[in-house]
Protein backbone atom coordinates (compact mmCIF):
# COMPACT_ATOMS: atom_id res chain seq x y z
CA MET A 1 -7.81 107.65 61.56
CA ALA A 2 -8.26 105.82 64.84
CA THR A 3 -10.90 106.91 67.31
CA LEU A 4 -10.31 106.46 70.99
CA HIS A 5 -13.23 105.76 73.24
CA PHE A 6 -13.08 106.09 76.97
CA THR A 7 -15.28 103.85 79.02
CA PRO A 8 -15.21 104.60 82.71
CA SER A 9 -14.33 101.68 84.89
CA PRO A 10 -16.73 100.96 87.75
CA THR A 11 -13.78 101.15 90.15
CA LEU A 12 -13.38 104.87 89.42
CA PHE A 13 -16.63 105.72 91.15
CA LEU A 14 -16.52 105.82 94.90
CA PRO A 15 -19.68 105.33 96.89
CA ARG A 16 -20.91 108.35 98.79
CA HIS A 17 -20.72 108.06 102.52
CA ASN A 18 -21.32 110.51 105.29
CA HIS A 19 -17.67 111.43 105.62
CA PRO A 20 -16.71 115.04 106.22
CA THR A 21 -15.34 116.66 103.09
CA LYS A 22 -13.54 119.35 105.06
CA LEU A 23 -11.40 118.68 108.06
CA SER A 24 -11.95 120.91 111.01
CA ALA A 25 -11.27 120.94 114.70
CA THR A 26 -14.90 120.08 115.40
CA ALA A 27 -14.71 116.95 113.22
CA PHE A 28 -12.16 115.57 115.67
CA HIS A 29 -13.66 117.21 118.76
CA LEU A 30 -10.55 119.30 119.34
CA LYS A 31 -10.45 122.49 121.34
CA ILE A 32 -7.97 124.97 119.95
CA LYS A 33 -6.71 127.72 122.19
CA PRO A 34 -5.68 130.96 120.53
CA SER A 35 -1.96 131.50 120.60
CA ARG A 36 -0.19 134.77 121.26
CA LEU A 37 2.08 133.87 118.37
CA SER A 38 -0.75 133.32 115.90
CA SER A 39 -0.91 136.99 114.89
CA PRO A 40 2.57 138.50 114.80
CA VAL A 41 2.84 142.13 115.78
CA VAL A 42 4.96 144.25 113.49
CA ARG A 43 7.00 146.56 115.66
CA SER A 44 8.51 149.77 114.42
CA PHE A 45 11.94 150.81 115.64
CA LYS A 46 13.11 154.11 117.03
CA VAL A 47 15.83 155.49 114.77
CA VAL A 48 17.72 158.60 115.82
CA ILE A 49 19.46 160.38 112.93
CA GLU A 50 22.11 163.05 113.38
CA HIS A 51 22.28 165.15 110.22
CA GLU A 52 23.85 168.58 109.74
CA GLY A 53 23.99 169.25 113.48
CA GLN A 54 20.36 168.33 114.12
CA THR A 55 19.02 165.20 115.76
CA THR A 56 15.73 163.71 114.58
CA GLN A 57 13.89 160.70 115.96
CA LEU A 58 11.90 158.53 113.55
CA GLU A 59 9.68 155.46 113.92
CA VAL A 60 10.74 153.12 111.11
CA GLU A 61 9.00 149.88 110.16
CA PRO A 62 11.18 146.77 109.67
CA ASP A 63 10.28 146.63 105.96
CA GLU A 64 11.04 150.32 105.37
CA THR A 65 14.45 151.83 104.67
CA ILE A 66 15.74 154.52 106.96
CA LEU A 67 16.20 156.79 103.93
CA ALA A 68 12.56 156.40 102.85
CA LYS A 69 11.32 157.30 106.32
CA ALA A 70 13.74 160.22 106.62
CA LEU A 71 12.58 161.66 103.29
CA ASP A 72 8.90 161.10 104.18
CA SER A 73 9.56 162.99 107.41
CA GLY A 74 10.97 165.98 105.56
CA LEU A 75 14.67 165.43 106.25
CA SER A 76 16.92 166.60 103.45
CA VAL A 77 19.51 163.82 103.52
CA PRO A 78 21.73 163.23 100.48
CA HIS A 79 20.67 160.41 98.19
CA ASP A 80 20.54 159.46 94.53
CA CYS A 81 19.88 155.92 93.27
CA LYS A 82 18.00 154.53 96.32
CA LEU A 83 19.40 151.10 95.40
CA GLY A 84 22.51 150.84 97.57
CA VAL A 85 24.88 151.34 94.65
CA CYS A 86 25.88 155.01 94.26
CA MET A 87 26.95 155.54 97.91
CA THR A 88 25.57 159.07 98.20
CA CYS A 89 23.61 158.32 101.40
CA PRO A 90 26.38 157.12 103.75
CA ALA A 91 26.01 156.96 107.50
CA ARG A 92 27.78 155.66 110.56
CA LEU A 93 25.81 153.29 112.77
CA LEU A 94 26.53 154.44 116.33
CA SER A 95 24.27 151.89 118.02
CA GLY A 96 21.71 149.28 117.09
CA SER A 97 21.57 147.03 114.06
CA VAL A 98 20.34 147.23 110.49
CA ASP A 99 19.95 144.78 107.65
CA GLN A 100 21.74 146.20 104.64
CA SER A 101 22.17 143.06 102.60
CA ASP A 102 20.65 144.87 99.59
CA GLY A 103 23.51 147.39 99.55
CA MET A 104 26.87 147.18 97.86
CA LEU A 105 29.12 147.85 100.85
CA SER A 106 31.88 145.35 101.51
CA ASP A 107 31.58 143.19 104.61
CA ASP A 108 34.64 144.89 106.11
CA VAL A 109 33.01 148.31 105.83
CA VAL A 110 29.74 147.04 107.30
CA GLU A 111 31.62 145.45 110.21
CA ARG A 112 33.20 148.84 110.93
CA GLY A 113 29.73 150.32 111.44
CA TYR A 114 29.03 152.01 108.13
CA ALA A 115 25.71 151.89 106.31
CA LEU A 116 23.88 153.21 103.28
CA LEU A 117 20.58 154.75 104.38
CA CYS A 118 18.79 153.60 101.22
CA ALA A 119 19.62 149.95 101.93
CA ALA A 120 19.39 150.04 105.74
CA TYR A 121 16.37 148.30 107.27
CA PRO A 122 16.27 148.61 111.08
CA ARG A 123 16.46 145.41 113.12
CA SER A 124 16.54 147.23 116.47
CA ASP A 125 16.39 150.76 117.79
CA CYS A 126 19.30 152.63 116.16
CA HIS A 127 21.38 155.77 116.38
CA ILE A 128 22.85 156.88 113.05
CA ARG A 129 24.97 159.84 111.95
CA THR A 130 25.20 160.88 108.31
CA ILE A 131 28.77 161.25 107.08
CA PRO A 132 30.46 162.82 104.06
CA GLU A 133 30.41 160.63 100.97
CA ASP A 134 34.21 160.85 100.65
CA GLU A 135 34.71 159.19 104.04
CA LEU A 136 32.83 156.09 102.97
CA LEU A 137 34.23 155.98 99.43
CA SER A 138 37.84 156.06 100.61
CA LEU A 139 37.17 153.29 103.11
CA GLN A 140 35.27 151.18 100.56
CA LEU A 141 38.11 151.54 98.04
CA ALA A 142 40.76 150.75 100.66
CA THR A 143 39.03 147.53 101.69
CA ALA A 144 38.44 146.54 98.06
CA ASN A 145 42.20 146.32 97.59
CA ASP A 146 42.64 143.97 100.57
């Protein structure tokens, strides 16, 4: 059986000098001004929901679904899977914009202003009205045949 021996080469050892081991602004005599953009502010959006003849205003974070906030606020809106698949939380977007790329609605239906509350993340202040599930299902099926 062969035995390998490692003998360090003198070129592997670097002499120690008084060089900074960490780079910093002071090492280069730089003055850094704080930027307003250095700490982004997360802004919540005002979402108005019309449901069963009542209007409720919610403050919804950009990383929170409108359904989650509605349920946390005590609204009894229809829902089931919370994944954007079952279509039991349909709504009509009357104004504003939402990101609903996690949902299963066709692009045609989304362009017509429909949304699923469980997959709708606000991107601006919004006004939304819940609608009957049948209204969205018939539209989704009609556009699926196009």
